[in-house]
All heavy atoms as atom14 arrays in JSON, in Angstrom:
{
  "sequence": "AINIEENFHSILGGQYKPFDGITLTDTFQMYESELDHTESLFPENN",
  "atom14_mask": [
    [1, 1, 1, 1, 1, 0, 0, 0, 0, 0, 0, 0, 0, 0],
    [1, 1, 1, 1, 1, 1, 1, 1, 0, 0, 0, 0, 0, 0],
    [1, 1, 1, 1, 1, 1, 1, 1, 0, 0, 0, 0, 0, 0],
    [1, 1, 1, 1, 1, 1, 1, 1, 0, 0, 0, 0, 0, 0],
    [1, 1, 1, 1, 1, 1, 1, 1, 1, 0, 0, 0, 0, 0],
    [1, 1, 1, 1, 1, 1, 1, 1, 1, 0, 0, 0, 0, 0],
    [1, 1, 1, 1, 1, 1, 1, 1, 0, 0, 0, 0, 0, 0],
    [1, 1, 1, 1, 1, 1, 1, 1, 1, 1, 1, 0, 0, 0],
    [1, 1, 1, 1, 1, 1, 1, 1, 1, 1, 0, 0, 0, 0],
    [1, 1, 1, 1, 1, 1, 0, 0, 0, 0, 0, 0, 0, 0],
    [1, 1, 1, 1, 1, 1, 1, 1, 0, 0, 0, 0, 0, 0],
    [1, 1, 1, 1, 1, 1, 1, 1, 0, 0, 0, 0, 0, 0],
    [1, 1, 1, 1, 0, 0, 0, 0, 0, 0, 0, 0, 0, 0],
    [1, 1, 1, 1, 0, 0, 0, 0, 0, 0, 0, 0, 0, 0],
    [1, 1, 1, 1, 1, 1, 1, 1, 1, 0, 0, 0, 0, 0],
    [1, 1, 1, 1, 1, 1, 1, 1, 1, 1, 1, 1, 0, 0],
    [1, 1, 1, 1, 1, 1, 1, 1, 1, 0, 0, 0, 0, 0],
    [1, 1, 1, 1, 1, 1, 1, 0, 0, 0, 0, 0, 0, 0],
    [1, 1, 1, 1, 1, 1, 1, 1, 1, 1, 1, 0, 0, 0],
    [1, 1, 1, 1, 1, 1, 1, 1, 0, 0, 0, 0, 0, 0],
    [1, 1, 1, 1, 0, 0, 0, 0, 0, 0, 0, 0, 0, 0],
    [1, 1, 1, 1, 1, 1, 1, 1, 0, 0, 0, 0, 0, 0],
    [1, 1, 1, 1, 1, 1, 1, 0, 0, 0, 0, 0, 0, 0],
    [1, 1, 1, 1, 1, 1, 1, 1, 0, 0, 0, 0, 0, 0],
    [1, 1, 1, 1, 1, 1, 1, 0, 0, 0, 0, 0, 0, 0],
    [1, 1, 1, 1, 1, 1, 1, 1, 0, 0, 0, 0, 0, 0],
    [1, 1, 1, 1, 1, 1, 1, 0, 0, 0, 0, 0, 0, 0],
    [1, 1, 1, 1, 1, 1, 1, 1, 1, 1, 1, 0, 0, 0],
    [1, 1, 1, 1, 1, 1, 1, 1, 1, 0, 0, 0, 0, 0],
    [1, 1, 1, 1, 1, 1, 1, 1, 0, 0, 0, 0, 0, 0],
    [1, 1, 1, 1, 1, 1, 1, 1, 1, 1, 1, 1, 0, 0],
    [1, 1, 1, 1, 1, 1, 1, 1, 1, 0, 0, 0, 0, 0],
    [1, 1, 1, 1, 1, 1, 0, 0, 0, 0, 0, 0, 0, 0],
    [1, 1, 1, 1, 1, 1, 1, 1, 1, 0, 0, 0, 0, 0],
    [1, 1, 1, 1, 1, 1, 1, 1, 0, 0, 0, 0, 0, 0],
    [1, 1, 1, 1, 1, 1, 1, 1, 0, 0, 0, 0, 0, 0],
    [1, 1, 1, 1, 1, 1, 1, 1, 1, 1, 0, 0, 0, 0],
    [1, 1, 1, 1, 1, 1, 1, 0, 0, 0, 0, 0, 0, 0],
    [1, 1, 1, 1, 1, 1, 1, 1, 1, 0, 0, 0, 0, 0],
    [1, 1, 1, 1, 1, 1, 0, 0, 0, 0, 0, 0, 0, 0],
    [1, 1, 1, 1, 1, 1, 1, 1, 0, 0, 0, 0, 0, 0],
    [1, 1, 1, 1, 1, 1, 1, 1, 1, 1, 1, 0, 0, 0],
    [1, 1, 1, 1, 1, 1, 1, 0, 0, 0, 0, 0, 0, 0],
    [1, 1, 1, 1, 1, 1, 1, 1, 1, 0, 0, 0, 0, 0],
    [1, 1, 1, 1, 1, 1, 1, 1, 0, 0, 0, 0, 0, 0],
    [1, 1, 1, 1, 1, 1, 1, 1, 0, 0, 0, 0, 0, 0]
  ],
  "atom14_positions": [
    [[-7.44, -5.3, -10.09], [-7.73, -4.78, -11.44], [-7.99, -5.92, -12.41], [-8.98, -5.91, -13.16], [-6.57, -3.91, -11.92], [0.0, 0.0, 0.0], [0.0, 0.0, 0.0], [0.0, 0.0, 0.0], [0.0, 0.0, 0.0], [0.0, 0.0, 0.0], [0.0, 0.0, 0.0], [0.0, 0.0, 0.0], [0.0, 0.0, 0.0], [0.0, 0.0, 0.0]],
    [[-7.13, -6.94, -12.38], [-7.3, -8.08, -13.28], [-8.58, -8.85, -12.95], [-9.34, -9.24, -13.83], [-6.09, -9.03, -13.19], [-4.84, -8.34, -13.75], [-6.34, -10.31, -13.95], [-3.57, -9.12, -13.56], [0.0, 0.0, 0.0], [0.0, 0.0, 0.0], [0.0, 0.0, 0.0], [0.0, 0.0, 0.0], [0.0, 0.0, 0.0], [0.0, 0.0, 0.0]],
    [[-8.82, -9.04, -11.67], [-9.98, -9.79, -11.2], [-11.28, -9.13, -11.69], [-12.17, -9.79, -12.23], [-9.96, -9.84, -9.67], [-10.91, -10.86, -9.09], [-11.45, -11.7, -9.8], [-11.11, -10.8, -7.8], [0.0, 0.0, 0.0], [0.0, 0.0, 0.0], [0.0, 0.0, 0.0], [0.0, 0.0, 0.0], [0.0, 0.0, 0.0], [0.0, 0.0, 0.0]],
    [[-11.37, -7.82, -11.51], [-12.58, -7.08, -11.9], [-12.73, -7.09, -13.43], [-13.82, -7.35, -13.96], [-12.53, -5.64, -11.35], [-12.6, -5.66, -9.82], [-13.66, -4.79, -11.93], [-12.17, -4.37, -9.15], [0.0, 0.0, 0.0], [0.0, 0.0, 0.0], [0.0, 0.0, 0.0], [0.0, 0.0, 0.0], [0.0, 0.0, 0.0], [0.0, 0.0, 0.0]],
    [[-11.64, -6.81, -14.13], [-11.69, -6.77, -15.6], [-12.04, -8.13, -16.18], [-12.85, -8.23, -17.12], [-10.35, -6.27, -16.14], [-10.09, -4.81, -15.87], [-8.68, -4.35, -16.2], [-7.91, -5.15, -16.79], [-8.34, -3.2, -15.88], [0.0, 0.0, 0.0], [0.0, 0.0, 0.0], [0.0, 0.0, 0.0], [0.0, 0.0, 0.0], [0.0, 0.0, 0.0]],
    [[-11.46, -9.18, -15.62], [-11.71, -10.52, -16.15], [-13.16, -10.94, -15.94], [-13.77, -11.56, -16.8], [-10.77, -11.52, -15.48], [-10.49, -12.74, -16.32], [-10.9, -14.03, -15.63], [-11.25, -13.99, -14.44], [-10.88, -15.07, -16.29], [0.0, 0.0, 0.0], [0.0, 0.0, 0.0], [0.0, 0.0, 0.0], [0.0, 0.0, 0.0], [0.0, 0.0, 0.0]],
    [[-13.73, -10.58, -14.79], [-15.15, -10.88, -14.55], [-16.05, -10.13, -15.51], [-17.02, -10.68, -16.03], [-15.51, -10.55, -13.1], [-15.25, -11.7, -12.16], [-16.06, -12.61, -12.02], [-14.09, -11.7, -11.52], [0.0, 0.0, 0.0], [0.0, 0.0, 0.0], [0.0, 0.0, 0.0], [0.0, 0.0, 0.0], [0.0, 0.0, 0.0], [0.0, 0.0, 0.0]],
    [[-15.73, -8.86, -15.75], [-16.52, -8.06, -16.7], [-16.5, -8.7, -18.09], [-17.55, -8.86, -18.72], [-15.96, -6.63, -16.75], [-16.6, -5.77, -17.81], [-17.83, -5.17, -17.59], [-15.97, -5.55, -19.03], [-18.43, -4.36, -18.56], [-16.56, -4.76, -20.01], [-17.79, -4.16, -19.77], [0.0, 0.0, 0.0], [0.0, 0.0, 0.0], [0.0, 0.0, 0.0]],
    [[-15.31, -9.1, -18.53], [-15.19, -9.64, -19.88], [-15.77, -11.04, -20.01], [-16.27, -11.41, -21.08], [-13.73, -9.63, -20.33], [-13.24, -8.24, -20.63], [-13.62, -7.55, -21.74], [-12.46, -7.4, -19.91], [-13.07, -6.35, -21.72], [-12.37, -6.22, -20.62], [0.0, 0.0, 0.0], [0.0, 0.0, 0.0], [0.0, 0.0, 0.0], [0.0, 0.0, 0.0]],
    [[-15.72, -11.81, -18.94], [-16.32, -13.15, -19.01], [-17.85, -13.07, -19.07], [-18.51, -13.96, -19.55], [-15.88, -14.0, -17.83], [-16.39, -13.49, -16.63], [0.0, 0.0, 0.0], [0.0, 0.0, 0.0], [0.0, 0.0, 0.0], [0.0, 0.0, 0.0], [0.0, 0.0, 0.0], [0.0, 0.0, 0.0], [0.0, 0.0, 0.0], [0.0, 0.0, 0.0]],
    [[-18.39, -11.95, -18.57], [-19.85, -11.75, -18.63], [-20.26, -11.19, -19.99], [-21.18, -11.69, -20.63], [-20.33, -10.81, -17.5], [-20.11, -11.46, -16.13], [-21.81, -10.44, -17.67], [-20.25, -10.52, -14.95], [0.0, 0.0, 0.0], [0.0, 0.0, 0.0], [0.0, 0.0, 0.0], [0.0, 0.0, 0.0], [0.0, 0.0, 0.0], [0.0, 0.0, 0.0]],
    [[-19.54, -10.16, -20.45], [-19.94, -9.47, -21.68], [-19.15, -9.91, -22.91], [-19.63, -9.79, -24.03], [-19.79, -7.96, -21.52], [-20.87, -7.22, -20.73], [-20.77, -5.73, -20.99], [-22.27, -7.69, -21.06], [0.0, 0.0, 0.0], [0.0, 0.0, 0.0], [0.0, 0.0, 0.0], [0.0, 0.0, 0.0], [0.0, 0.0, 0.0], [0.0, 0.0, 0.0]],
    [[-17.91, -10.38, -22.7], [-17.08, -10.73, -23.84], [-16.64, -9.49, -24.59], [-16.65, -8.38, -24.05], [0.0, 0.0, 0.0], [0.0, 0.0, 0.0], [0.0, 0.0, 0.0], [0.0, 0.0, 0.0], [0.0, 0.0, 0.0], [0.0, 0.0, 0.0], [0.0, 0.0, 0.0], [0.0, 0.0, 0.0], [0.0, 0.0, 0.0], [0.0, 0.0, 0.0]],
    [[-16.26, -9.65, -25.83], [-15.89, -8.5, -26.65], [-14.47, -8.04, -26.41], [-13.66, -8.73, -25.81], [0.0, 0.0, 0.0], [0.0, 0.0, 0.0], [0.0, 0.0, 0.0], [0.0, 0.0, 0.0], [0.0, 0.0, 0.0], [0.0, 0.0, 0.0], [0.0, 0.0, 0.0], [0.0, 0.0, 0.0], [0.0, 0.0, 0.0], [0.0, 0.0, 0.0]],
    [[-14.18, -6.83, -26.88], [-12.83, -6.29, -26.83], [-12.43, -5.93, -25.39], [-13.28, -5.61, -24.57], [-12.77, -5.03, -27.71], [-11.38, -4.7, -28.21], [-11.42, -3.56, -29.24], [-12.47, -3.01, -29.51], [-10.27, -3.25, -29.8], [0.0, 0.0, 0.0], [0.0, 0.0, 0.0], [0.0, 0.0, 0.0], [0.0, 0.0, 0.0], [0.0, 0.0, 0.0]],
    [[-11.12, -5.96, -25.13], [-10.6, -5.63, -23.8], [-10.98, -4.21, -23.41], [-10.79, -3.27, -24.17], [-9.07, -5.79, -23.79], [-8.42, -5.29, -22.52], [-8.47, -6.05, -21.35], [-7.78, -4.06, -22.48], [-7.87, -5.6, -20.19], [-7.19, -3.6, -21.32], [-7.23, -4.37, -20.18], [-6.65, -3.92, -19.01], [0.0, 0.0, 0.0], [0.0, 0.0, 0.0]],
    [[-11.53, -4.07, -22.21], [-11.91, -2.75, -21.7], [-11.4, -2.64, -20.27], [-11.88, -3.32, -19.38], [-13.44, -2.61, -21.74], [-13.93, -1.2, -21.38], [-15.45, -1.16, -21.42], [-15.97, 0.15, -20.89], [-16.26, 1.13, -21.93], [0.0, 0.0, 0.0], [0.0, 0.0, 0.0], [0.0, 0.0, 0.0], [0.0, 0.0, 0.0], [0.0, 0.0, 0.0]],
    [[-10.4, -1.78, -20.04], [-9.85, -1.67, -18.68], [-10.86, -1.1, -17.71], [-11.79, -0.39, -18.11], [-8.66, -0.72, -18.86], [-8.95, 0.05, -20.1], [-9.74, -0.88, -20.99], [0.0, 0.0, 0.0], [0.0, 0.0, 0.0], [0.0, 0.0, 0.0], [0.0, 0.0, 0.0], [0.0, 0.0, 0.0], [0.0, 0.0, 0.0], [0.0, 0.0, 0.0]],
    [[-10.69, -1.42, -16.43], [-11.56, -0.87, -15.39], [-10.94, 0.44, -14.91], [-10.0, 0.45, -14.14], [-11.7, -1.87, -14.24], [-12.5, -1.34, -13.08], [-13.76, -0.79, -13.27], [-12.0, -1.39, -11.79], [-14.49, -0.29, -12.2], [-12.72, -0.92, -10.71], [-13.97, -0.37, -10.92], [0.0, 0.0, 0.0], [0.0, 0.0, 0.0], [0.0, 0.0, 0.0]],
    [[-11.5, 1.55, -15.39], [-10.95, 2.87, -15.08], [-11.3, 3.35, -13.69], [-10.81, 4.41, -13.25], [-11.44, 3.9, -16.11], [-10.89, 3.63, -17.5], [-9.81, 3.01, -17.59], [-11.53, 4.03, -18.49], [0.0, 0.0, 0.0], [0.0, 0.0, 0.0], [0.0, 0.0, 0.0], [0.0, 0.0, 0.0], [0.0, 0.0, 0.0], [0.0, 0.0, 0.0]],
    [[-12.13, 2.6, -12.98], [-12.55, 3.03, -11.65], [-11.56, 2.67, -10.55], [-11.71, 3.11, -9.41], [0.0, 0.0, 0.0], [0.0, 0.0, 0.0], [0.0, 0.0, 0.0], [0.0, 0.0, 0.0], [0.0, 0.0, 0.0], [0.0, 0.0, 0.0], [0.0, 0.0, 0.0], [0.0, 0.0, 0.0], [0.0, 0.0, 0.0], [0.0, 0.0, 0.0]],
    [[-10.53, 1.87, -10.86], [-9.59, 1.45, -9.82], [-8.36, 2.36, -9.78], [-7.84, 2.75, -10.82], [-9.17, -0.03, -9.99], [-8.43, -0.5, -8.73], [-8.33, -0.23, -11.24], [-8.29, -2.0, -8.64], [0.0, 0.0, 0.0], [0.0, 0.0, 0.0], [0.0, 0.0, 0.0], [0.0, 0.0, 0.0], [0.0, 0.0, 0.0], [0.0, 0.0, 0.0]],
    [[-7.95, 2.72, -8.56], [-6.77, 3.58, -8.4], [-5.84, 3.0, -7.36], [-6.27, 2.38, -6.39], [-7.17, 5.0, -7.96], [-7.97, 4.92, -6.77], [-7.96, 5.72, -9.02], [0.0, 0.0, 0.0], [0.0, 0.0, 0.0], [0.0, 0.0, 0.0], [0.0, 0.0, 0.0], [0.0, 0.0, 0.0], [0.0, 0.0, 0.0], [0.0, 0.0, 0.0]],
    [[-4.55, 3.23, -7.59], [-3.53, 2.92, -6.58], [-3.43, 4.16, -5.7], [-2.84, 5.17, -6.11], [-2.19, 2.6, -7.23], [-1.05, 2.26, -6.27], [-1.29, 0.91, -5.6], [0.28, 2.24, -7.0], [0.0, 0.0, 0.0], [0.0, 0.0, 0.0], [0.0, 0.0, 0.0], [0.0, 0.0, 0.0], [0.0, 0.0, 0.0], [0.0, 0.0, 0.0]],
    [[-4.03, 4.11, -4.54], [-4.06, 5.29, -3.67], [-4.41, 4.89, -2.25], [-4.87, 3.78, -2.0], [-5.06, 6.35, -4.19], [-4.89, 7.57, -3.46], [-6.5, 5.88, -4.03], [0.0, 0.0, 0.0], [0.0, 0.0, 0.0], [0.0, 0.0, 0.0], [0.0, 0.0, 0.0], [0.0, 0.0, 0.0], [0.0, 0.0, 0.0], [0.0, 0.0, 0.0]],
    [[-4.19, 5.8, -1.35], [-4.59, 5.66, 0.05], [-5.9, 6.42, 0.21], [-5.92, 7.65, 0.12], [-3.49, 6.23, 0.94], [-3.8, 6.16, 2.42], [-4.97, 5.9, 2.77], [-2.88, 6.36, 3.22], [0.0, 0.0, 0.0], [0.0, 0.0, 0.0], [0.0, 0.0, 0.0], [0.0, 0.0, 0.0], [0.0, 0.0, 0.0], [0.0, 0.0, 0.0]],
    [[-7.0, 5.73, 0.4], [-8.32, 6.36, 0.46], [-8.37, 7.47, 1.52], [-8.93, 8.54, 1.28], [-9.41, 5.31, 0.76], [-9.4, 4.34, -0.28], [-10.79, 5.94, 0.85], [0.0, 0.0, 0.0], [0.0, 0.0, 0.0], [0.0, 0.0, 0.0], [0.0, 0.0, 0.0], [0.0, 0.0, 0.0], [0.0, 0.0, 0.0], [0.0, 0.0, 0.0]],
    [[-7.77, 7.23, 2.69], [-7.78, 8.25, 3.75], [-6.97, 9.48, 3.34], [-7.3, 10.61, 3.68], [-7.19, 7.68, 5.04], [-8.06, 6.62, 5.68], [-7.47, 5.51, 6.28], [-9.44, 6.74, 5.71], [-8.25, 4.54, 6.89], [-10.22, 5.77, 6.31], [-9.63, 4.66, 6.91], [0.0, 0.0, 0.0], [0.0, 0.0, 0.0], [0.0, 0.0, 0.0]],
    [[-5.88, 9.25, 2.58], [-4.98, 10.35, 2.23], [-5.54, 11.2, 1.09], [-5.16, 12.37, 0.93], [-3.62, 9.76, 1.81], [-2.55, 10.8, 1.47], [-2.19, 11.69, 2.63], [-2.21, 11.25, 3.78], [-1.89, 12.95, 2.35], [0.0, 0.0, 0.0], [0.0, 0.0, 0.0], [0.0, 0.0, 0.0], [0.0, 0.0, 0.0], [0.0, 0.0, 0.0]],
    [[-6.46, 10.66, 0.31], [-6.99, 11.36, -0.87], [-7.47, 12.76, -0.56], [-7.33, 13.67, -1.37], [-8.15, 10.55, -1.48], [-7.73, 9.49, -2.46], [-9.15, 8.51, -3.03], [-10.17, 9.77, -3.79], [0.0, 0.0, 0.0], [0.0, 0.0, 0.0], [0.0, 0.0, 0.0], [0.0, 0.0, 0.0], [0.0, 0.0, 0.0], [0.0, 0.0, 0.0]],
    [[-8.07, 12.94, 0.62], [-8.68, 14.24, 0.95], [-7.8, 15.06, 1.89], [-8.2, 16.12, 2.35], [-10.06, 14.01, 1.58], [-11.01, 13.35, 0.62], [-11.15, 11.97, 0.56], [-11.76, 14.11, -0.28], [-12.0, 11.36, -0.35], [-12.62, 13.52, -1.18], [-12.75, 12.14, -1.22], [-13.59, 11.54, -2.12], [0.0, 0.0, 0.0], [0.0, 0.0, 0.0]],
    [[-6.6, 14.56, 2.17], [-5.68, 15.29, 3.04], [-5.02, 16.46, 2.31], [-4.72, 17.48, 2.9], [-4.6, 14.35, 3.59], [-5.1, 13.33, 4.6], [-5.37, 13.94, 5.98], [-4.54, 14.74, 6.44], [-6.4, 13.62, 6.57], [0.0, 0.0, 0.0], [0.0, 0.0, 0.0], [0.0, 0.0, 0.0], [0.0, 0.0, 0.0], [0.0, 0.0, 0.0]],
    [[-4.73, 16.27, 1.03], [-4.04, 17.32, 0.27], [-4.41, 17.24, -1.2], [-4.9, 16.22, -1.67], [-2.53, 17.18, 0.44], [-2.11, 15.91, -0.01], [0.0, 0.0, 0.0], [0.0, 0.0, 0.0], [0.0, 0.0, 0.0], [0.0, 0.0, 0.0], [0.0, 0.0, 0.0], [0.0, 0.0, 0.0], [0.0, 0.0, 0.0], [0.0, 0.0, 0.0]],
    [[-4.18, 18.33, -1.92], [-4.45, 18.36, -3.35], [-3.32, 17.68, -4.12], [-2.16, 17.75, -3.72], [-4.61, 19.81, -3.83], [-5.84, 20.51, -3.28], [-7.13, 19.83, -3.71], [-7.26, 19.5, -4.91], [-8.0, 19.62, -2.85], [0.0, 0.0, 0.0], [0.0, 0.0, 0.0], [0.0, 0.0, 0.0], [0.0, 0.0, 0.0], [0.0, 0.0, 0.0]],
    [[-3.65, 17.06, -5.24], [-2.63, 16.43, -6.08], [-1.88, 17.48, -6.88], [-2.44, 18.48, -7.31], [-3.29, 15.44, -7.05], [-3.75, 14.11, -6.48], [-4.53, 13.35, -7.54], [-2.59, 13.27, -6.0], [0.0, 0.0, 0.0], [0.0, 0.0, 0.0], [0.0, 0.0, 0.0], [0.0, 0.0, 0.0], [0.0, 0.0, 0.0], [0.0, 0.0, 0.0]],
    [[-0.6, 17.24, -7.07], [0.24, 18.09, -7.91], [0.19, 17.55, -9.33], [0.78, 16.51, -9.63], [1.67, 18.09, -7.37], [2.6, 18.92, -8.23], [2.1, 19.58, -9.17], [3.82, 18.9, -7.97], [0.0, 0.0, 0.0], [0.0, 0.0, 0.0], [0.0, 0.0, 0.0], [0.0, 0.0, 0.0], [0.0, 0.0, 0.0], [0.0, 0.0, 0.0]],
    [[-0.5, 18.24, -10.21], [-0.69, 17.72, -11.57], [0.53, 17.94, -12.47], [0.5, 17.58, -13.63], [-1.93, 18.35, -12.21], [-3.2, 17.85, -11.59], [-3.74, 16.63, -11.9], [-4.01, 18.39, -10.66], [-4.85, 16.43, -11.19], [-5.03, 17.48, -10.43], [0.0, 0.0, 0.0], [0.0, 0.0, 0.0], [0.0, 0.0, 0.0], [0.0, 0.0, 0.0]],
    [[1.61, 18.49, -11.89], [2.82, 18.64, -12.69], [3.59, 17.33, -12.78], [4.42, 17.15, -13.66], [3.75, 19.71, -12.08], [4.09, 19.32, -10.74], [3.06, 21.07, -12.05], [0.0, 0.0, 0.0], [0.0, 0.0, 0.0], [0.0, 0.0, 0.0], [0.0, 0.0, 0.0], [0.0, 0.0, 0.0], [0.0, 0.0, 0.0], [0.0, 0.0, 0.0]],
    [[3.32, 16.38, -11.84], [4.03, 15.1, -11.9], [3.55, 14.32, -13.12], [2.42, 14.45, -13.54], [3.86, 14.32, -10.6], [2.47, 13.78, -10.33], [2.26, 12.41, -10.94], [3.24, 11.72, -11.21], [1.1, 12.04, -11.15], [0.0, 0.0, 0.0], [0.0, 0.0, 0.0], [0.0, 0.0, 0.0], [0.0, 0.0, 0.0], [0.0, 0.0, 0.0]],
    [[4.45, 13.52, -13.69], [4.13, 12.94, -15.0], [4.12, 11.42, -15.05], [3.74, 10.85, -16.05], [5.13, 13.46, -16.03], [6.45, 13.12, -15.64], [0.0, 0.0, 0.0], [0.0, 0.0, 0.0], [0.0, 0.0, 0.0], [0.0, 0.0, 0.0], [0.0, 0.0, 0.0], [0.0, 0.0, 0.0], [0.0, 0.0, 0.0], [0.0, 0.0, 0.0]],
    [[4.56, 10.74, -13.97], [4.72, 9.29, -14.07], [3.39, 8.55, -14.01], [3.19, 7.56, -14.7], [5.66, 8.79, -12.97], [6.28, 7.42, -13.21], [7.09, 7.41, -14.5], [7.14, 6.99, -12.04], [0.0, 0.0, 0.0], [0.0, 0.0, 0.0], [0.0, 0.0, 0.0], [0.0, 0.0, 0.0], [0.0, 0.0, 0.0], [0.0, 0.0, 0.0]],
    [[2.45, 9.01, -13.17], [1.14, 8.36, -13.04], [0.0, 9.3, -13.41], [-0.96, 9.46, -12.65], [0.91, 7.89, -11.59], [1.91, 6.9, -11.06], [2.23, 6.88, -9.72], [2.53, 5.99, -11.9], [3.14, 5.97, -9.21], [3.45, 5.08, -11.41], [3.75, 5.07, -10.06], [0.0, 0.0, 0.0], [0.0, 0.0, 0.0], [0.0, 0.0, 0.0]],
    [[0.04, 9.96, -14.56], [-1.01, 10.94, -14.85], [-2.41, 10.34, -14.89], [-3.38, 10.96, -14.42], [-0.61, 11.5, -16.23], [0.28, 10.46, -16.82], [0.99, 9.81, -15.67], [0.0, 0.0, 0.0], [0.0, 0.0, 0.0], [0.0, 0.0, 0.0], [0.0, 0.0, 0.0], [0.0, 0.0, 0.0], [0.0, 0.0, 0.0], [0.0, 0.0, 0.0]],
    [[-2.53, 9.13, -15.44], [-3.86, 8.52, -15.55], [-4.41, 8.15, -14.18], [-5.61, 8.29, -13.92], [-3.79, 7.28, -16.45], [-5.16, 6.81, -16.9], [-5.09, 5.67, -17.9], [-4.13, 5.61, -18.68], [-6.01, 4.84, -17.89], [0.0, 0.0, 0.0], [0.0, 0.0, 0.0], [0.0, 0.0, 0.0], [0.0, 0.0, 0.0], [0.0, 0.0, 0.0]],
    [[-3.53, 7.69, -13.3], [-3.96, 7.38, -11.93], [-4.44, 8.64, -11.23], [-5.43, 8.64, -10.51], [-2.8, 6.75, -11.15], [-3.26, 5.97, -9.93], [-3.97, 4.97, -10.04], [-2.87, 6.44, -8.76], [0.0, 0.0, 0.0], [0.0, 0.0, 0.0], [0.0, 0.0, 0.0], [0.0, 0.0, 0.0], [0.0, 0.0, 0.0], [0.0, 0.0, 0.0]],
    [[-3.74, 9.76, -11.47], [-4.14, 11.07, -10.94], [-5.55, 11.44, -11.4], [-6.39, 11.88, -10.61], [-3.18, 12.15, -11.43], [-2.08, 12.44, -10.41], [-1.98, 11.75, -9.41], [-1.27, 13.44, -10.68], [0.0, 0.0, 0.0], [0.0, 0.0, 0.0], [0.0, 0.0, 0.0], [0.0, 0.0, 0.0], [0.0, 0.0, 0.0], [0.0, 0.0, 0.0]]
  ]
}
């Protein structure tokens, strides 16, 4: 996340903009089951 964001900002500069495309997840597991949106600790990652 830091690596990608830092490269973006060193190219464009300006205000900090997080890379919203990165997720902490298991790519294979993503399609195994539906996410439970009632959980509250990682809502943005969801």
